[in-house]
Structures are given as structure tokens and as C-alpha cells.
PDB file of N, CA and C in Angstrom:
ATOM      1  N   UNK A   1      45.811 -32.801 -91.946  1.00  0.00           N
ATOM      2  CA  UNK A   1      45.745 -34.067 -91.231  1.00  0.00           C
ATOM      3  C   UNK A   1      46.699 -35.051 -91.913  1.00  0.00           C
ATOM      4  N   UNK A   2      47.612 -35.621 -91.152  1.00  0.00           N
ATOM      5  CA  UNK A   2      48.545 -36.580 -91.746  1.00  0.00           C
ATOM      6  C   UNK A   2      47.884 -37.952 -91.882  1.00  0.00           C
ATOM      7  N   UNK A   3      48.605 -38.885 -92.505  1.00  0.00           N
ATOM      8  CA  UNK A   3      48.043 -40.202 -92.806  1.00  0.00           C
ATOM      9  C   UNK A   3      47.616 -40.947 -91.534  1.00  0.00           C
ATOM     10  N   UNK A   4      48.426 -40.846 -90.481  1.00  0.00           N
ATOM     11  CA  UNK A   4      48.099 -41.543 -89.233  1.00  0.00           C
ATOM     12  C   UNK A   4      46.838 -40.954 -88.591  1.00  0.00           C
ATOM     13  N   UNK A   5      46.741 -39.624 -88.584  1.00  0.00           N
ATOM     14  CA  UNK A   5      45.552 -38.970 -88.030  1.00  0.00           C
ATOM     15  C   UNK A   5      44.310 -39.328 -88.847  1.00  0.00           C
ATOM     16  N   UNK A   6      44.468 -39.361 -90.166  1.00  0.00           N
ATOM     17  CA  UNK A   6      43.362 -39.708 -91.051  1.00  0.00           C
ATOM     18  C   UNK A   6      42.885 -41.136 -90.780  1.00  0.00           C
ATOM     19  N   UNK A   7      43.835 -42.045 -90.640  1.00  0.00           N
ATOM     20  CA  UNK A   7      43.478 -43.435 -90.362  1.00  0.00           C
ATOM     21  C   UNK A   7      42.742 -43.544 -89.026  1.00  0.00           C
ATOM     22  N   UNK A   8      43.189 -42.802 -88.029  1.00  0.00           N
ATOM     23  CA  UNK A   8      42.530 -42.810 -86.725  1.00  0.00           C
ATOM     24  C   UNK A   8      41.096 -42.309 -86.843  1.00  0.00           C
ATOM     25  N   UNK A   9      40.888 -41.223 -87.599  1.00  0.00           N
ATOM     26  CA  UNK A   9      39.545 -40.673 -87.788  1.00  0.00           C
ATOM     27  C   UNK A   9      38.633 -41.666 -88.513  1.00  0.00           C
ATOM     28  N   UNK A  10      39.157 -42.330 -89.532  1.00  0.00           N
ATOM     29  CA  UNK A  10      38.362 -43.310 -90.282  1.00  0.00           C
ATOM     30  C   UNK A  10      38.000 -44.487 -89.377  1.00  0.00           C
ATOM     31  N   UNK A  11      38.955 -44.946 -88.566  1.00  0.00           N
ATOM     32  CA  UNK A  11      38.679 -46.043 -87.630  1.00  0.00           C
ATOM     33  C   UNK A  11      37.610 -45.628 -86.613  1.00  0.00           C
ATOM     34  N   UNK A  12      37.647 -44.370 -86.157  1.00  0.00           N
ATOM     35  CA  UNK A  12      36.628 -43.882 -85.227  1.00  0.00           C
ATOM     36  C   UNK A  12      35.251 -43.925 -85.893  1.00  0.00           C
ATOM     37  N   UNK A  13      35.193 -43.536 -87.158  1.00  0.00           N
ATOM     38  CA  UNK A  13      33.928 -43.576 -87.899  1.00  0.00           C
ATOM     39  C   UNK A  13      33.425 -45.013 -88.026  1.00  0.00           C
ATOM     40  N   UNK A  14      34.330 -45.932 -88.339  1.00  0.00           N
ATOM     41  CA  UNK A  14      33.933 -47.335 -88.463  1.00  0.00           C
ATOM     42  C   UNK A  14      33.467 -47.886 -87.121  1.00  0.00           C
ATOM     43  N   UNK A  15      34.108 -47.448 -86.037  1.00  0.00           N
ATOM     44  CA  UNK A  15      33.683 -47.885 -84.696  1.00  0.00           C
ATOM     45  C   UNK A  15      32.260 -47.415 -84.392  1.00  0.00           C
ATOM     46  N   UNK A  16      31.884 -46.251 -84.948  1.00  0.00           N
ATOM     47  CA  UNK A  16      30.531 -45.732 -84.727  1.00  0.00           C
ATOM     48  C   UNK A  16      29.484 -46.579 -85.455  1.00  0.00           C
ATOM     49  N   UNK A  17      29.805 -47.050 -86.661  1.00  0.00           N
ATOM     50  CA  UNK A  17      28.803 -47.805 -87.429  1.00  0.00           C
ATOM     51  C   UNK A  17      28.883 -49.313 -87.221  1.00  0.00           C
ATOM     52  N   UNK A  18      29.993 -49.787 -86.722  1.00  0.00           N
ATOM     53  CA  UNK A  18      30.177 -51.238 -86.547  1.00  0.00           C
ATOM     54  C   UNK A  18      29.054 -51.911 -85.749  1.00  0.00           C
ATOM     55  N   UNK A  19      28.584 -51.329 -84.631  1.00  0.00           N
ATOM     56  CA  UNK A  19      27.507 -51.999 -83.872  1.00  0.00           C
ATOM     57  C   UNK A  19      26.245 -52.243 -84.695  1.00  0.00           C
ATOM     58  N   UNK A  20      25.916 -51.334 -85.613  1.00  0.00           N
ATOM     59  CA  UNK A  20      24.730 -51.510 -86.452  1.00  0.00           C
ATOM     60  C   UNK A  20      24.925 -52.677 -87.416  1.00  0.00           C
ATOM     61  N   UNK A  21      26.125 -52.773 -87.976  1.00  0.00           N
ATOM     62  CA  UNK A  21      26.428 -53.879 -88.894  1.00  0.00           C
ATOM     63  C   UNK A  21      26.444 -55.204 -88.132  1.00  0.00           C
ATOM     64  N   UNK A  22      27.049 -55.194 -86.951  1.00  0.00           N
ATOM     65  CA  UNK A  22      27.142 -56.419 -86.156  1.00  0.00           C
ATOM     66  C   UNK A  22      25.768 -56.890 -85.690  1.00  0.00           C
ATOM     67  N   UNK A  23      24.846 -55.964 -85.466  1.00  0.00           N
ATOM     68  CA  UNK A  23      23.500 -56.364 -85.037  1.00  0.00           C
ATOM     69  C   UNK A  23      22.770 -57.121 -86.144  1.00  0.00           C
ATOM     70  N   UNK A  24      23.223 -56.938 -87.391  1.00  0.00           N
ATOM     71  CA  UNK A  24      22.650 -57.669 -88.530  1.00  0.00           C
ATOM     72  C   UNK A  24      23.523 -58.850 -88.940  1.00  0.00           C
ATOM     73  N   UNK A  25      24.527 -59.183 -88.130  1.00  0.00           N
ATOM     74  CA  UNK A  25      25.388 -60.319 -88.414  1.00  0.00           C
ATOM     75  C   UNK A  25      26.545 -60.016 -89.344  1.00  0.00           C
ATOM     76  N   UNK A  26      26.876 -58.738 -89.498  1.00  0.00           N
ATOM     77  CA  UNK A  26      27.980 -58.343 -90.380  1.00  0.00           C
ATOM     78  C   UNK A  26      29.066 -57.617 -89.623  1.00  0.00           C
ATOM     79  N   UNK A  27      30.021 -57.101 -90.386  1.00  0.00           N
ATOM     80  CA  UNK A  27      31.118 -56.324 -89.818  1.00  0.00           C
ATOM     81  C   UNK A  27      31.803 -55.589 -90.954  1.00  0.00           C
ATOM     82  N   UNK A  28      32.755 -54.729 -90.612  1.00  0.00           N
ATOM     83  CA  UNK A  28      33.488 -53.961 -91.607  1.00  0.00           C
ATOM     84  C   UNK A  28      34.915 -53.761 -91.119  1.00  0.00           C
ATOM     85  N   UNK A  29      35.861 -53.782 -92.052  1.00  0.00           N
ATOM     86  CA  UNK A  29      37.273 -53.549 -91.723  1.00  0.00           C
ATOM     87  C   UNK A  29      37.857 -52.543 -92.695  1.00  0.00           C
ATOM     88  N   UNK A  30      38.722 -51.693 -92.185  1.00  0.00           N
ATOM     89  CA  UNK A  30      39.461 -50.757 -93.031  1.00  0.00           C
ATOM     90  C   UNK A  30      40.598 -51.508 -93.706  1.00  0.00           C
ATOM     91  N   UNK A  31      40.660 -51.426 -95.028  1.00  0.00           N
ATOM     92  CA  UNK A  31      41.729 -52.091 -95.770  1.00  0.00           C
ATOM     93  C   UNK A  31      42.849 -51.106 -96.112  1.00  0.00           C
ATOM     94  N   UNK A  32      42.466 -49.914 -96.619  1.00  0.00           N
ATOM     95  CA  UNK A  32      43.478 -48.916 -96.961  1.00  0.00           C
ATOM     96  C   UNK A  32      42.824 -47.562 -97.179  1.00  0.00           C
ATOM     97  N   UNK A  33      43.670 -46.543 -97.206  1.00  0.00           N
ATOM     98  CA  UNK A  33      43.249 -45.199 -97.587  1.00  0.00           C
ATOM     99  C   UNK A  33      44.191 -44.777 -98.701  1.00  0.00           C
ATOM    100  N   UNK A  34      43.646 -44.604 -99.905  1.00  0.00           N
ATOM    101  CA  UNK A  34      44.462 -44.287-101.077  1.00  0.00           C
ATOM    102  C   UNK A  34      44.490 -42.786-101.327  1.00  0.00           C
ATOM    103  N   UNK A  35      45.684 -42.238-101.428  1.00  0.00           N
ATOM    104  CA  UNK A  35      45.890 -40.823-101.731  1.00  0.00           C
ATOM    105  C   UNK A  35      45.167 -39.882-100.774  1.00  0.00           C
ATOM    106  N   UNK A  36      44.864 -40.358 -99.574  1.00  0.00           N
ATOM    107  CA  UNK A  36      44.181 -39.527 -98.597  1.00  0.00           C
ATOM    108  C   UNK A  36      42.753 -39.175 -98.972  1.00  0.00           C
ATOM    109  N   UNK A  37      42.199 -39.865 -99.994  1.00  0.00           N
ATOM    110  CA  UNK A  37      40.876 -39.500-100.498  1.00  0.00           C
ATOM    111  C   UNK A  37      39.916 -40.669-100.666  1.00  0.00           C
ATOM    112  N   UNK A  38      40.439 -41.863-100.929  1.00  0.00           N
ATOM    113  CA  UNK A  38      39.606 -43.035-101.194  1.00  0.00           C
ATOM    114  C   UNK A  38      39.810 -44.051-100.077  1.00  0.00           C
ATOM    115  N   UNK A  39      38.718 -44.379 -99.394  1.00  0.00           N
ATOM    116  CA  UNK A  39      38.778 -45.370 -98.325  1.00  0.00           C
ATOM    117  C   UNK A  39      38.316 -46.707 -98.885  1.00  0.00           C
ATOM    118  N   UNK A  40      39.133 -47.739 -98.682  1.00  0.00           N
ATOM    119  CA  UNK A  40      38.764 -49.091 -99.098  1.00  0.00           C
ATOM    120  C   UNK A  40      38.442 -49.895 -97.852  1.00  0.00           C
ATOM    121  N   UNK A  41      37.238 -50.452 -97.850  1.00  0.00           N
ATOM    122  CA  UNK A  41      36.785 -51.243 -96.712  1.00  0.00           C
ATOM    123  C   UNK A  41      36.389 -52.630 -97.189  1.00  0.00           C
ATOM    124  N   UNK A  42      36.347 -53.551 -96.249  1.00  0.00           N
ATOM    125  CA  UNK A  42      35.898 -54.909 -96.550  1.00  0.00           C
ATOM    126  C   UNK A  42      34.703 -55.206 -95.664  1.00  0.00           C
ATOM    127  N   UNK A  43      33.576 -55.499 -96.320  1.00  0.00           N
ATOM    128  CA  UNK A  43      32.392 -55.909 -95.592  1.00  0.00           C
ATOM    129  C   UNK A  43      32.514 -57.389 -95.284  1.00  0.00           C
ATOM    130  N   UNK A  44      32.032 -57.795 -94.108  1.00  0.00           N
ATOM    131  CA  UNK A  44      32.185 -59.187 -93.674  1.00  0.00           C
ATOM    132  C   UNK A  44      30.860 -59.750 -93.190  1.00  0.00           C
ATOM    133  N   UNK A  45      30.831 -61.055 -93.058  1.00  0.00           N
ATOM    134  CA  UNK A  45      29.655 -61.739 -92.515  1.00  0.00           C
ATOM    135  C   UNK A  45      28.429 -61.539 -93.386  1.00  0.00           C
ATOM    136  N   UNK A  46      27.302 -61.247 -92.750  1.00  0.00           N
ATOM    137  CA  UNK A  46      26.034 -61.094 -93.461  1.00  0.00           C
ATOM    138  C   UNK A  46      26.060 -59.929 -94.440  1.00  0.00           C
ATOM    139  N   UNK A  47      26.950 -58.965 -94.238  1.00  0.00           N
ATOM    140  CA  UNK A  47      27.027 -57.806 -95.135  1.00  0.00           C
ATOM    141  C   UNK A  47      27.494 -58.189 -96.542  1.00  0.00           C
ATOM    142  N   UNK A  48      28.245 -59.278 -96.651  1.00  0.00           N
ATOM    143  CA  UNK A  48      28.797 -59.673 -97.945  1.00  0.00           C
ATOM    144  C   UNK A  48      27.691 -60.004 -98.939  1.00  0.00           C
ATOM    145  N   UNK A  49      26.716 -60.791 -98.520  1.00  0.00           N
ATOM    146  CA  UNK A  49      25.662 -61.199 -99.441  1.00  0.00           C
ATOM    147  C   UNK A  49      24.412 -60.351 -99.368  1.00  0.00           C
ATOM    148  N   UNK A  50      24.446 -59.297 -98.571  1.00  0.00           N
ATOM    149  CA  UNK A  50      23.250 -58.472 -98.372  1.00  0.00           C
ATOM    150  C   UNK A  50      22.933 -57.672 -99.623  1.00  0.00           C
ATOM    151  N   UNK A  51      21.671 -57.675-100.000  1.00  0.00           N
ATOM    152  CA  UNK A  51      21.258 -56.977-101.215  1.00  0.00           C
ATOM    153  C   UNK A  51      21.320 -55.466-101.086  1.00  0.00           C
ATOM    154  N   UNK A  52      21.364 -54.941 -99.865  1.00  0.00           N
ATOM    155  CA  UNK A  52      21.409 -53.490 -99.682  1.00  0.00           C
ATOM    156  C   UNK A  52      22.799 -53.003 -99.257  1.00  0.00           C
ATOM    157  N   UNK A  53      23.832 -53.842 -99.438  1.00  0.00           N
ATOM    158  CA  UNK A  53      25.146 -53.441 -98.927  1.00  0.00           C
ATOM    159  C   UNK A  53      25.713 -52.207 -99.633  1.00  0.00           C
ATOM    160  N   UNK A  54      25.402 -51.996-100.920  1.00  0.00           N
ATOM    161  CA  UNK A  54      25.895 -50.785-101.580  1.00  0.00           C
ATOM    162  C   UNK A  54      25.199 -49.539-101.031  1.00  0.00           C
ATOM    163  N   UNK A  55      23.915 -49.670-100.709  1.00  0.00           N
ATOM    164  CA  UNK A  55      23.200 -48.559-100.102  1.00  0.00           C
ATOM    165  C   UNK A  55      23.768 -48.282 -98.703  1.00  0.00           C
ATOM    166  N   UNK A  56      24.023 -49.343 -97.950  1.00  0.00           N
ATOM    167  CA  UNK A  56      24.625 -49.200 -96.623  1.00  0.00           C
ATOM    168  C   UNK A  56      25.979 -48.528 -96.735  1.00  0.00           C
ATOM    169  N   UNK A  57      26.756 -48.957 -97.733  1.00  0.00           N
ATOM    170  CA  UNK A  57      28.096 -48.416 -97.926  1.00  0.00           C
ATOM    171  C   UNK A  57      28.041 -46.919 -98.204  1.00  0.00           C
ATOM    172  N   UNK A  58      27.171 -46.496 -99.106  1.00  0.00           N
ATOM    173  CA  UNK A  58      27.105 -45.078 -99.487  1.00  0.00           C
ATOM    174  C   UNK A  58      26.384 -44.224 -98.443  1.00  0.00           C
ATOM    175  N   UNK A  59      25.202 -44.649 -98.022  1.00  0.00           N
ATOM    176  CA  UNK A  59      24.423 -43.774 -97.142  1.00  0.00           C
ATOM    177  C   UNK A  59      24.849 -43.863 -95.691  1.00  0.00           C
ATOM    178  N   UNK A  60      25.352 -45.004 -95.273  1.00  0.00           N
ATOM    179  CA  UNK A  60      25.760 -45.152 -93.879  1.00  0.00           C
ATOM    180  C   UNK A  60      27.245 -44.972 -93.671  1.00  0.00           C
ATOM    181  N   UNK A  61      28.022 -45.836 -94.282  1.00  0.00           N
ATOM    182  CA  UNK A  61      29.469 -45.853 -94.056  1.00  0.00           C
ATOM    183  C   UNK A  61      30.139 -44.589 -94.602  1.00  0.00           C
ATOM    184  N   UNK A  62      29.895 -44.281 -95.873  1.00  0.00           N
ATOM    185  CA  UNK A  62      30.564 -43.124 -96.481  1.00  0.00           C
ATOM    186  C   UNK A  62      30.169 -41.825 -95.779  1.00  0.00           C
ATOM    187  N   UNK A  63      28.896 -41.668 -95.474  1.00  0.00           N
ATOM    188  CA  UNK A  63      28.426 -40.453 -94.811  1.00  0.00           C
ATOM    189  C   UNK A  63      29.090 -40.294 -93.435  1.00  0.00           C
ATOM    190  N   UNK A  64      29.193 -41.387 -92.684  1.00  0.00           N
ATOM    191  CA  UNK A  64      29.804 -41.327 -91.354  1.00  0.00           C
ATOM    192  C   UNK A  64      31.293 -41.026 -91.452  1.00  0.00           C
ATOM    193  N   UNK A  65      31.991 -41.668 -92.389  1.00  0.00           N
ATOM    194  CA  UNK A  65      33.424 -41.406 -92.559  1.00  0.00           C
ATOM    195  C   UNK A  65      33.657 -39.949 -92.943  1.00  0.00           C
ATOM    196  N   UNK A  66      32.837 -39.408 -93.837  1.00  0.00           N
ATOM    197  CA  UNK A  66      32.999 -38.007 -94.251  1.00  0.00           C
ATOM    198  C   UNK A  66      32.733 -37.041 -93.099  1.00  0.00           C
ATOM    199  N   UNK A  67      31.909 -37.453 -92.148  1.00  0.00           N
ATOM    200  CA  UNK A  67      31.657 -36.626 -90.964  1.00  0.00           C
ATOM    201  C   UNK A  67      32.945 -36.496 -90.138  1.00  0.00           C
ATOM    202  N   UNK A  68      33.688 -37.583 -90.039  1.00  0.00           N
ATOM    203  CA  UNK A  68      34.947 -37.593 -89.281  1.00  0.00           C
ATOM    204  C   UNK A  68      36.121 -37.045 -90.092  1.00  0.00           C
ATOM    205  N   UNK A  69      36.104 -37.308 -91.401  1.00  0.00           N
ATOM    206  CA  UNK A  69      37.218 -36.913 -92.275  1.00  0.00           C
ATOM    207  C   UNK A  69      36.645 -36.356 -93.582  1.00  0.00           C
ATOM    208  N   UNK A  70      36.303 -35.061 -93.596  1.00  0.00           N
ATOM    209  CA  UNK A  70      35.632 -34.457 -94.749  1.00  0.00           C
ATOM    210  C   UNK A  70      36.409 -34.528 -96.061  1.00  0.00           C
ATOM    211  N   UNK A  71      37.721 -34.705 -95.996  1.00  0.00           N
ATOM    212  CA  UNK A  71      38.509 -34.760 -97.226  1.00  0.00           C
ATOM    213  C   UNK A  71      38.339 -36.071 -97.997  1.00  0.00           C
ATOM    214  N   UNK A  72      37.721 -37.058 -97.391  1.00  0.00           N
ATOM    215  CA  UNK A  72      37.489 -38.337 -98.083  1.00  0.00           C
ATOM    216  C   UNK A  72      36.466 -38.111 -99.185  1.00  0.00           C
ATOM    217  N   UNK A  73      36.799 -38.573-100.395  1.00  0.00           N
ATOM    218  CA  UNK A  73      35.920 -38.377-101.541  1.00  0.00           C
ATOM    219  C   UNK A  73      34.973 -39.556-101.748  1.00  0.00           C
ATOM    220  N   UNK A  74      35.449 -40.777-101.484  1.00  0.00           N
ATOM    221  CA  UNK A  74      34.557 -41.912-101.665  1.00  0.00           C
ATOM    222  C   UNK A  74      35.036 -43.106-100.826  1.00  0.00           C
ATOM    223  N   UNK A  75      34.085 -44.013-100.622  1.00  0.00           N
ATOM    224  CA  UNK A  75      34.356 -45.247 -99.900  1.00  0.00           C
ATOM    225  C   UNK A  75      33.969 -46.392-100.828  1.00  0.00           C
ATOM    226  N   UNK A  76      34.909 -47.318-101.025  1.00  0.00           N
ATOM    227  CA  UNK A  76      34.639 -48.459-101.899  1.00  0.00           C
ATOM    228  C   UNK A  76      34.868 -49.750-101.121  1.00  0.00           C
ATOM    229  N   UNK A  77      34.109 -50.751-101.524  1.00  0.00           N
ATOM    230  CA  UNK A  77      34.210 -52.072-100.888  1.00  0.00           C
ATOM    231  C   UNK A  77      35.118 -52.962-101.719  1.00  0.00           C
ATOM    232  N   UNK A  78      35.992 -53.689-101.043  1.00  0.00           N
ATOM    233  CA  UNK A  78      36.834 -54.666-101.715  1.00  0.00           C
ATOM    234  C   UNK A  78      36.398 -56.058-101.282  1.00  0.00           C
ATOM    235  N   UNK A  79      36.491 -57.010-102.190  1.00  0.00           N
ATOM    236  CA  UNK A  79      36.097 -58.376-101.887  1.00  0.00           C
ATOM    237  C   UNK A  79      37.147 -59.070-101.035  1.00  0.00           C
ATOM    238  N   UNK A  80      36.706 -60.080-100.293  1.00  0.00           N
ATOM    239  CA  UNK A  80      37.630 -60.900 -99.516  1.00  0.00           C
ATOM    240  C   UNK A  80      38.550 -61.637-100.473  1.00  0.00           C
ATOM    241  N   UNK A  81      39.798 -61.765-100.058  1.00  0.00           N
ATOM    242  CA  UNK A  81      40.757 -62.495-100.897  1.00  0.00           C
ATOM    243  C   UNK A  81      40.988 -63.874-100.347  1.00  0.00           C
TER     244      UNK A  81
END
């Protein structure tokens, strides 16, 4: 899978989980994919201050992204700049 295909798959995964985040007043954006293995995302809105956002990131976001793109090793959150 090339970089463009990988990005498309990751975006599809984010589109699947976005409605759940938005229903809680949050959102998520893809920031980058490093070395084809590390996905960097930015949590937005209510997700930023949520006490369970790391659990959401690992159990929800990372699991869904790996379903679409199994070669992804981890998903990390980056802060707003």
C-alpha cells in the first residue's frame, strides 16, 4: 500500500469513528502518518479535555485504524498548536 492509499484508509477509519466523537462534542483530524507506521491525530472540542481521551484513542481510534490499515503500529495524539 503506497502513502496515498494508506492515507485514504486512515481517513476512512476516522470517518467511521468521527460520528461517535462528534456526538460527545468532539472531533478528530489526521495530522500525519510517519514512516507508514505511526498515525498522528489531533483531538478537538470536548475530546481535548476529556479524562478518557487516551482510552478512546487506544481502544477506539487505534483499533479502528488498524482494522483498515493493519501495518499501523500506533496512534498518537498531538496537541493543538
